[in-house]
Protein backbone atom coordinates (compact mmCIF):
# COMPACT_ATOMS: atom_id res chain seq x y z
CA MET A 1 -14.22 19.46 10.56
CA GLY A 2 -13.84 19.72 14.06
CA GLY A 3 -10.17 19.26 15.01
CA VAL A 4 -8.83 19.16 11.84
CA ILE A 5 -5.94 21.24 11.06
CA ILE A 6 -6.06 22.94 7.51
CA TYR A 7 -2.65 22.47 5.84
CA LYS A 8 -0.59 25.65 5.12
CA LYS A 9 2.52 25.51 3.07
CA GLY A 10 5.96 26.79 4.91
CA GLY A 11 8.31 25.68 7.34
CA PRO A 12 10.59 22.83 7.49
CA LEU A 13 9.57 19.30 6.28
CA LYS A 14 8.18 17.18 9.06
CA SER A 15 7.94 13.33 8.43
CA ALA A 16 7.06 10.07 10.48
CA PHE A 17 8.74 6.57 9.78
CA ILE A 18 5.96 4.58 11.76
CA TYR A 19 7.92 1.19 12.84
CA THR A 20 8.10 -1.22 15.42
CA ASP A 21 10.29 -4.41 15.70
CA GLU A 22 7.48 -6.18 16.39
CA PHE A 23 6.31 -6.18 12.70
CA ALA A 24 9.17 -8.54 12.16
CA GLN A 25 8.22 -11.23 14.37
CA TYR A 26 5.33 -12.57 12.78
CA GLU A 27 5.37 -15.30 9.76
CA TYR A 28 2.57 -16.25 7.86
CA ALA A 29 3.97 -19.66 6.97
CA PRO A 30 7.74 -20.83 6.27
CA THR A 31 6.93 -21.03 2.62
CA HIS A 32 4.52 -18.31 2.63
CA PRO A 33 5.71 -15.37 0.16
CA PHE A 34 4.55 -12.54 2.14
CA LYS A 35 7.43 -11.76 4.64
CA PRO A 36 6.54 -9.01 7.26
CA ILE A 37 10.49 -8.80 7.90
CA ARG A 38 10.46 -6.85 4.62
CA SER A 39 9.79 -3.86 6.85
CA LYS A 40 12.81 -4.49 9.07
CA LEU A 41 15.06 -4.65 6.01
CA THR A 42 13.76 -1.42 5.03
CA TYR A 43 14.22 0.12 8.03
CA GLU A 44 17.86 -1.10 8.48
CA LEU A 45 18.69 0.08 4.69
CA CYS A 46 17.33 3.72 5.61
CA ARG A 47 19.39 3.88 8.73
CA ARG A 48 22.38 2.53 6.72
CA TYR A 49 21.82 5.37 3.85
CA ASN A 50 21.27 7.82 6.81
CA LEU A 51 17.53 8.66 5.76
CA LEU A 52 16.19 8.91 9.46
CA ASP A 53 18.69 10.92 11.63
CA ARG A 54 17.31 14.24 10.65
CA PRO A 55 15.75 16.70 12.95
CA TRP A 56 12.51 16.81 10.66
CA ILE A 57 12.21 13.16 10.88
CA LYS A 58 10.47 11.09 13.56
CA ILE A 59 10.20 7.37 14.18
CA ILE A 60 7.03 6.40 15.82
CA LYS A 61 5.86 3.09 17.05
CA PRO A 62 2.14 2.07 16.45
CA GLU A 63 -0.63 0.82 18.67
CA PRO A 64 -2.88 -1.72 17.16
CA LEU A 65 -6.25 -0.56 16.62
CA ARG A 66 -9.35 -1.75 18.64
CA LEU A 67 -12.11 -3.81 17.40
CA ASN A 68 -14.54 -0.65 17.77
CA GLN A 69 -12.23 1.20 15.59
CA LEU A 70 -12.14 -1.52 13.03
CA THR A 71 -15.84 -1.89 12.88
CA ILE A 72 -16.40 1.30 10.98
CA PHE A 73 -15.18 -0.96 7.82
CA HIS A 74 -15.22 -4.54 8.75
CA ASP A 75 -18.13 -6.37 9.86
CA GLU A 76 -17.88 -7.48 13.60
CA GLU A 77 -18.50 -11.14 13.08
CA TYR A 78 -15.66 -11.39 10.84
CA LEU A 79 -13.49 -9.70 13.50
CA ARG A 80 -14.47 -11.79 16.06
CA THR A 81 -13.93 -14.97 14.15
CA LEU A 82 -10.17 -13.43 13.23
CA ALA A 83 -9.38 -12.87 16.85
CA ILE A 84 -10.82 -16.48 17.73
CA ALA A 85 -8.70 -17.92 15.07
CA SER A 86 -5.55 -16.50 16.14
CA LEU A 87 -5.55 -18.79 19.17
CA GLY A 88 -2.91 -16.70 20.76
CA GLY A 89 -4.41 -16.31 24.08
CA LEU A 90 -6.57 -13.56 25.53
CA THR A 91 -6.14 -9.96 24.30
CA PRO A 92 -7.87 -6.88 25.50
CA GLU A 93 -10.18 -6.72 22.55
CA MET A 94 -11.26 -10.50 23.05
CA MET A 95 -11.93 -9.69 26.61
CA GLU A 96 -13.90 -6.42 25.34
CA TYR A 97 -16.38 -8.74 23.50
CA GLY A 98 -16.41 -11.59 26.04
CA ILE A 99 -14.44 -13.92 23.91
CA ASN A 100 -12.28 -16.86 24.74
CA PRO A 101 -10.43 -18.63 21.98
CA ARG A 102 -10.45 -21.76 24.49
CA GLU A 103 -14.12 -21.88 24.23
CA HIS A 104 -13.96 -21.96 20.26
CA PRO A 105 -11.47 -24.67 19.15
CA GLY A 106 -14.06 -25.75 16.44
CA LEU A 107 -14.61 -22.46 14.96
CA ALA A 108 -10.59 -22.04 15.14
CA VAL A 109 -9.91 -24.84 12.95
CA GLY A 110 -13.30 -26.21 11.26
CA PRO A 111 -14.03 -25.62 7.94
CA GLU A 112 -16.90 -23.24 8.16
CA ILE A 113 -13.70 -20.73 8.95
CA LEU A 114 -13.12 -20.92 5.13
CA ARG A 115 -16.42 -18.47 4.67
CA PHE A 116 -14.20 -15.94 6.29
CA GLY A 117 -11.45 -16.27 3.65
CA LEU A 118 -9.26 -17.90 6.49
CA GLY A 119 -7.20 -21.21 6.56
CA THR A 120 -6.57 -20.93 2.80
CA GLU A 121 -2.98 -21.13 1.21
CA GLU A 122 -3.22 -17.47 0.47
CA ASN A 123 -4.35 -16.56 4.18
CA PRO A 124 -3.01 -19.07 6.71
CA ILE A 125 -4.05 -19.17 10.22
CA PHE A 126 -0.99 -18.45 12.39
CA ILE A 127 -0.39 -17.34 16.20
CA GLY A 128 -1.07 -13.93 16.86
CA MET A 129 -2.59 -12.79 13.17
CA TYR A 130 -5.39 -10.70 14.65
CA ASP A 131 -3.05 -8.79 16.58
CA TYR A 132 -0.62 -8.23 13.58
CA ALA A 133 -3.28 -7.34 11.43
CA ALA A 134 -4.68 -4.74 13.92
CA LEU A 135 -1.06 -3.19 14.54
CA THR A 136 -0.57 -2.65 10.86
CA ALA A 137 -3.74 -1.07 10.58
CA GLY A 138 -2.82 1.02 13.77
CA ALA A 139 0.12 2.12 11.94
CA THR A 140 -1.59 3.44 8.95
CA PHE A 141 -4.40 5.06 11.05
CA LEU A 142 -1.56 6.78 13.31
CA GLY A 143 -0.11 8.11 10.08
CA ALA A 144 -3.20 9.70 9.04
CA GLU A 145 -3.71 11.22 12.55
CA LEU A 146 -0.33 12.91 12.64
CA LEU A 147 -1.34 14.42 8.77
CA VAL A 148 -4.65 15.42 9.80
CA GLY A 149 -3.26 17.05 13.21
CA GLY A 150 -0.71 19.05 11.60
CA GLU A 151 2.42 17.08 13.19
CA VAL A 152 3.76 15.97 9.98
CA GLU A 153 3.53 16.09 6.06
CA ILE A 154 4.97 12.67 5.12
CA ALA A 155 4.19 9.75 6.91
CA PHE A 156 5.27 5.89 5.70
CA ASN A 157 4.29 2.69 7.24
CA PRO A 158 6.04 -0.05 5.37
CA LEU A 159 3.63 -2.79 6.44
CA GLY A 160 0.73 -1.18 5.47
CA GLY A 161 -1.19 -1.78 2.08
CA PHE A 162 -3.50 -4.65 2.70
CA HIS A 163 -5.60 -3.41 -0.01
CA HIS A 164 -7.37 -6.85 -0.96
CA ALA A 165 -9.23 -7.48 2.49
CA ALA A 166 -12.84 -7.18 2.50
CA LYS A 167 -15.43 -6.03 4.80
CA ASP A 168 -16.26 -9.67 5.86
CA HIS A 169 -13.46 -11.89 4.75
CA ALA A 170 -9.42 -12.04 4.41
CA GLU A 171 -8.05 -12.25 0.89
CA GLY A 172 -4.98 -11.94 -1.10
CA PHE A 173 -2.52 -12.04 2.14
CA CYS A 174 -4.73 -9.56 3.77
CA TYR A 175 -6.94 -9.77 6.72
CA ILE A 176 -7.58 -6.53 7.74
CA ASN A 177 -7.82 -3.43 5.17
CA ASP A 178 -5.89 -0.88 6.91
CA ILE A 179 -6.67 1.52 3.85
CA ALA A 180 -10.39 1.28 3.83
CA VAL A 181 -10.44 1.80 7.60
CA THR A 182 -8.25 4.61 7.73
CA ILE A 183 -10.27 6.29 4.86
CA CYS A 184 -13.54 5.59 6.52
CA HIS A 185 -12.42 7.65 9.75
CA LEU A 186 -11.03 10.43 7.51
CA LEU A 187 -14.36 10.51 5.73
CA LYS A 188 -16.24 10.56 9.10
CA ARG A 189 -13.99 13.89 9.70
CA GLY A 190 -15.18 15.42 6.37
CA LEU A 191 -12.32 14.93 4.44
CA ARG A 192 -11.48 14.14 0.77
CA VAL A 193 -8.96 11.31 -0.05
CA ALA A 194 -7.06 10.29 -3.09
CA PHE A 195 -5.96 6.56 -2.80
CA ILE A 196 -3.33 5.91 -5.40
CA ASP A 197 -1.87 2.71 -5.79
CA ILE A 198 1.04 1.42 -7.74
CA ASP A 199 1.07 -1.96 -6.62
CA ALA A 200 1.08 -4.67 -9.39
CA HIS A 201 -2.25 -6.15 -8.22
CA HIS A 202 -5.46 -4.54 -8.45
CA SER A 203 -6.89 -2.90 -5.36
CA ASN A 204 -10.11 -4.66 -5.31
CA GLY A 205 -10.77 -4.46 -1.69
CA VAL A 206 -10.54 -0.64 -1.40
CA GLN A 207 -12.44 -0.20 -4.83
CA ASP A 208 -15.49 -2.17 -3.36
CA ALA A 209 -15.24 -0.18 -0.22
CA PHE A 210 -15.86 3.25 -1.87
CA TYR A 211 -17.28 2.12 -5.67
CA GLU A 212 -20.47 4.43 -4.98
CA ASP A 213 -18.48 7.19 -3.15
CA ASP A 214 -17.65 10.76 -4.58
CA ARG A 215 -15.39 11.60 -1.68
CA VAL A 216 -12.58 9.03 -2.27
CA LEU A 217 -10.72 9.16 -5.88
CA THR A 218 -9.44 5.67 -5.96
CA ILE A 219 -6.74 5.17 -8.58
CA SER A 220 -5.08 1.74 -9.23
CA ILE A 221 -2.26 1.24 -12.01
CA HIS A 222 -1.58 -2.52 -12.14
CA GLU A 223 -1.01 -5.42 -14.27
CA SER A 224 -3.88 -6.48 -15.96
CA GLY A 225 -6.50 -8.90 -14.46
CA LYS A 226 -6.20 -11.25 -17.34
CA THR A 227 -3.08 -12.19 -16.12
CA LEU A 228 -2.80 -11.63 -12.43
CA TYR A 229 -4.61 -11.97 -9.25
CA PRO A 230 -7.52 -10.67 -8.53
CA TRP A 231 -8.42 -10.77 -11.93
CA SER A 232 -10.26 -7.44 -11.68
CA GLY A 233 -9.38 -3.79 -12.28
CA PHE A 234 -10.44 -3.25 -15.76
CA GLU A 235 -10.90 0.22 -17.27
CA ASN A 236 -14.40 -0.04 -17.41
CA GLU A 237 -14.89 -0.46 -13.76
CA ILE A 238 -15.32 3.26 -12.97
CA GLY A 239 -17.38 3.65 -10.04
CA LYS A 240 -21.50 3.66 -9.74
CA GLY A 241 -23.86 6.18 -8.68
CA ARG A 242 -22.58 8.98 -6.95
CA GLY A 243 -19.00 7.53 -7.22
CA LYS A 244 -19.22 6.93 -11.01
CA GLY A 245 -15.81 8.31 -12.38
CA PHE A 246 -14.32 8.33 -9.03
CA ASN A 247 -12.78 4.94 -9.36
CA VAL A 248 -10.10 4.49 -12.06
CA ASN A 249 -8.28 1.63 -13.20
CA ILE A 250 -5.05 1.42 -15.66
CA PRO A 251 -4.60 -2.16 -16.09
CA LEU A 252 -1.35 -2.73 -17.99
CA ALA A 253 -0.25 -5.90 -20.06
CA ALA A 254 2.43 -8.31 -18.86
CA ASP A 255 5.99 -7.13 -19.65
CA SER A 256 5.11 -3.47 -19.70
CA ASP A 257 8.35 -1.68 -18.72
CA ASP A 258 9.01 1.43 -17.12
CA GLU A 259 8.55 3.73 -20.09
CA VAL A 260 5.20 2.23 -20.63
CA TYR A 261 4.01 2.47 -16.99
CA VAL A 262 5.48 5.97 -16.22
CA SER A 263 3.74 7.55 -19.55
CA ALA A 264 0.36 5.70 -18.57
CA PHE A 265 0.87 6.99 -14.85
CA LYS A 266 1.47 10.65 -15.90
CA GLU A 267 -1.24 10.73 -18.89
CA ILE A 268 -4.10 9.87 -16.34
CA VAL A 269 -3.00 10.43 -12.39
CA PRO A 270 -1.94 14.23 -12.16
CA PRO A 271 -5.21 15.85 -13.97
CA LEU A 272 -7.25 13.55 -11.95
CA VAL A 273 -5.62 14.27 -8.76
CA LYS A 274 -5.60 18.11 -9.32
CA ALA A 275 -9.38 18.16 -10.29
CA PHE A 276 -10.48 16.12 -7.52
CA ASN A 277 -8.39 18.31 -4.96
CA PRO A 278 -8.06 16.12 -1.85
CA TYR A 279 -7.30 17.08 1.39
CA LEU A 280 -4.48 14.40 1.46
CA ILE A 281 -3.26 11.28 -0.69
CA ILE A 282 -2.81 7.59 0.39
CA ALA A 283 -0.26 5.97 -1.58
CA GLU A 284 0.15 2.24 -1.84
CA LEU A 285 3.68 1.95 -3.19
CA GLY A 286 4.01 -1.81 -4.06
CA ALA A 287 7.14 -2.73 -5.19
CA ASP A 288 6.06 -5.81 -6.81
CA THR A 289 6.23 -4.13 -10.32
CA HIS A 290 9.72 -5.07 -10.34
CA VAL A 291 10.93 -7.27 -13.18
CA SER A 292 12.55 -9.99 -10.54
CA ASP A 293 9.08 -10.18 -8.71
CA PRO A 294 8.50 -13.98 -8.33
CA LEU A 295 4.58 -13.36 -8.32
CA THR A 296 4.03 -10.63 -11.02
CA HIS A 297 4.76 -10.32 -14.56
CA LEU A 298 5.74 -6.85 -15.18
CA SER A 299 9.20 -5.83 -16.46
CA MET A 300 9.79 -2.40 -14.46
CA THR A 301 12.98 -1.48 -12.38
CA ASN A 302 13.24 0.62 -9.34
CA ASN A 303 14.03 3.69 -11.78
CA GLY A 304 10.57 3.73 -13.18
CA PHE A 305 9.14 3.35 -9.70
CA CYS A 306 11.10 6.40 -8.48
CA GLU A 307 9.73 8.56 -11.23
CA THR A 308 6.28 7.43 -10.13
CA VAL A 309 6.67 8.05 -6.52
CA LYS A 310 8.31 11.73 -7.56
CA ILE A 311 5.06 12.36 -9.27
CA ILE A 312 3.12 11.54 -6.31
CA LYS A 313 5.19 13.43 -4.10
CA GLY A 314 4.31 16.67 -6.13
CA LEU A 315 0.54 16.12 -6.10
CA SER A 316 -0.17 17.04 -2.37
CA PRO A 317 1.53 18.50 0.22
CA LEU A 318 0.17 15.58 2.58
CA ILE A 319 1.06 11.89 1.99
CA LEU A 320 0.45 8.74 3.56
CA ALA A 321 2.63 6.29 2.09
CA VAL A 322 2.03 2.40 2.87
CA GLY A 323 4.26 -0.46 1.34
CA GLY A 324 2.02 -3.01 -0.26
CA GLY A 325 3.42 -5.74 -2.29
CA GLY A 326 6.67 -6.85 -3.01
CA TYR A 327 8.27 -10.53 -2.79
CA ASP A 328 11.67 -10.21 -3.97
CA LEU A 329 12.55 -9.02 -0.26
CA TYR A 330 15.81 -7.08 -0.98
CA LYS A 331 14.93 -5.48 -4.32
CA THR A 332 11.50 -4.36 -2.21
CA ALA A 333 13.51 -3.02 0.56
CA ARG A 334 15.85 -1.16 -1.95
CA SER A 335 12.73 0.63 -3.65
CA TRP A 336 11.11 1.72 -0.39
CA THR A 337 14.10 3.20 0.85
CA LEU A 338 14.45 5.05 -2.33
CA ALA A 339 10.67 6.01 -2.21
CA TRP A 340 11.61 7.23 1.55
CA SER A 341 14.59 9.31 0.24
CA ILE A 342 12.14 10.74 -2.68
CA LEU A 343 9.63 11.65 -0.11
CA ASN A 344 11.71 13.28 2.12
CA GLU A 345 14.04 15.17 -0.55
CA ILE A 346 17.40 13.54 0.87
CA GLU A 347 19.84 12.02 -1.46
CA PRO A 348 20.71 8.55 -0.21
CA LYS A 349 24.28 8.33 1.18
CA ASP A 350 26.10 5.07 2.32
CA GLU A 351 27.70 5.93 5.33
CA PHE A 352 29.64 2.44 5.62
CA LEU A 353 31.00 3.08 1.73
CA GLY A 354 34.93 1.72 1.69
CA ALA A 355 34.66 0.31 5.04
CA VAL A 356 36.82 -2.67 5.64
CA GLY A 357 35.30 -5.92 4.52
CA GLY A 358 32.66 -3.96 2.82
CA MET A 359 29.03 -4.02 3.44
CA MET A 360 27.37 -5.31 0.27
CA TYR A 361 24.67 -7.49 0.81
CA GLY A 362 21.25 -8.47 -0.82
CA PRO A 363 19.97 -5.00 -1.65
CA GLU A 364 22.96 -4.29 -3.77
CA LEU A 365 24.46 -7.21 -4.71
CA ASP A 366 23.65 -7.04 -8.37
CA VAL A 367 24.29 -3.24 -9.29
CA GLY A 368 26.45 -2.19 -6.62
CA SER A 369 23.89 0.62 -5.42
CA LEU A 370 20.41 1.14 -4.30
CA ARG A 371 19.49 1.92 -8.03
CA ASP A 372 18.49 -0.53 -10.51
CA LYS A 373 20.51 -0.57 -14.04
CA THR A 374 17.95 0.93 -16.76
CA HIS A 375 15.85 -1.83 -18.87
CA TYR A 376 13.70 -1.25 -21.57
CA SER A 377 11.77 -3.77 -23.66
CA THR A 378 11.94 -3.78 -27.38
CA GLY A 379 10.50 -5.25 -30.49
CA SER A 380 6.88 -6.84 -30.67
CA VAL A 381 6.96 -6.86 -26.77
CA LYS A 382 7.38 -3.08 -26.54
CA LYS A 383 4.99 -2.66 -29.29
CA LYS A 384 2.26 -4.69 -27.84
CA THR A 385 2.54 -3.29 -24.20
CA LYS A 386 2.88 0.07 -25.44
CA GLY A 387 -0.35 -0.15 -27.73
CA GLU A 388 -2.19 -1.48 -24.96
CA ALA A 389 -1.44 1.26 -22.41
CA GLU A 390 -2.46 3.86 -25.18
CA ARG A 391 -5.78 1.98 -25.67
CA ILE A 392 -6.43 2.26 -21.98
CA VAL A 393 -5.37 5.81 -21.43
CA GLY A 394 -7.40 6.76 -24.35
CA TYR A 395 -10.66 5.02 -22.87
CA ILE A 396 -10.07 6.85 -19.42
CA LYS A 397 -9.85 10.40 -21.17
CA ARG A 398 -12.99 9.60 -23.00
CA VAL A 399 -14.99 8.30 -20.59
CA VAL A 400 -13.61 9.70 -16.94
CA PHE A 401 -12.23 12.67 -17.71
CA PRO A 402 -15.28 14.77 -18.74
CA ILE A 403 -16.81 13.93 -15.23
CA HIS A 404 -14.29 15.92 -13.84
CA GLY A 405 -14.53 18.52 -16.40
CA ILE A 406 -10.61 17.56 -17.69
CA HIS A 407 -10.62 18.18 -21.29
C-alpha cells in the first residue's frame, strides 16, 4: 500500500467540499429531470447556513479525469465514442487518442450510437457531455485521493453518484460511473472499500462492476425493482464466486416511510460494515427517497434521510459522500445541506434569518426550515411495507450474515 496513509484518530476534523460553478453550466435537455444545477443550489444553501466558512473545511475545485484514468473501469471504445458524440470541439483527451469529432459526424448522430446507450431519452447527447462526465468523475476521484492522502476525513462531491453507468454504455442518466472508476483505483492501491447507497434506485452499475469481488462490500437500500427502474436489486442478488455475500440489496416496497426505511437500514448495514472493516466508506446520498420526488414512490422525509446519514457517519472515520439522485431540486438541496452539516458535526444556522424582506425561497417555503415535518404512513400501507421490510431483513440475516461470521 505504498503512498497510503493509515488513518489515526485524533486532531481536528478536516473535510473537503468538492465543487465548481462549472457543474451547473451543463444541461441534458430543457425537459430532462436530471439537473446538474442542484449542486449549485446545495453550495449556496450551505453558504447561507454557514456550513462552509470553517477553518477545517476546504472548498476544492476538481479537474476532469483523463481517458487513461477512466479506462481502469470503462471500455476504451465506449469512452472514445462518448467523446466523439459530445461534438464540443477538440479536447486534450480527444487529441491524445487522435480523435477529431468533425471526422465522425455519422457516428455522432447515427443509429449505431444507441448500442452505447447514447441518444436515448434517458441519456441524450448534448454539447460537452464527455467533459461533464469526466469532470464529475474527477471530483469523486479527488475526494478519494484526499482521504487516502490523509488531507481530509470527510469529502463530498454533490454532483457524483452515477451508479447506473456500465463499462460499455450509458444508462439511467449516467455516462461515466465515477464510483466504479474510483473504487478500481482504490483497489489497485490495496484498499478495501464499503459502498453504501441510500438512493431510491438500485445501484446496478456498481453491483455489476464488483459482483465477484470480496474486496468491495456493496450495500444498496432502495425502492424495489418491482416498481422502479432499473428493475433489479432483489435480496437474492448477493454476489458470486469470491464476491458471494459481499453484494447486499435491501429492496423496500413502494410507500415505505422513514420508520420502515431506517429500521431496515439499522438492522443490516452497521453489522455488515463493522464485520467487513473497510479502509473507507463511499456513500451515495441520493435524496430521491423523498415523498415529493416525481420519479420515485417512497414516502420518506429528510428526517429519515438525516438519521441514515448519522448512522453512516458513525461507521467509519473516512467517508467519501456523493450526491446521486434527487429530482425535486429544492428538497434535494435541502437534504444535501443537512447531510453536509451532519458529516461535519455543525448545526445549521441561517445567517439571514430576520433580514428585511426575508430570505425564504424554494428550499424552505413549505416548512420554514431545512427540516421536514414528521410524516408516517398508517393502516394497511404501513402493515404492508413493514411486513415486506421484515421479510427482506430476515432473508439477509439468514443468508448473508453467516458468510461474514455475524450471528
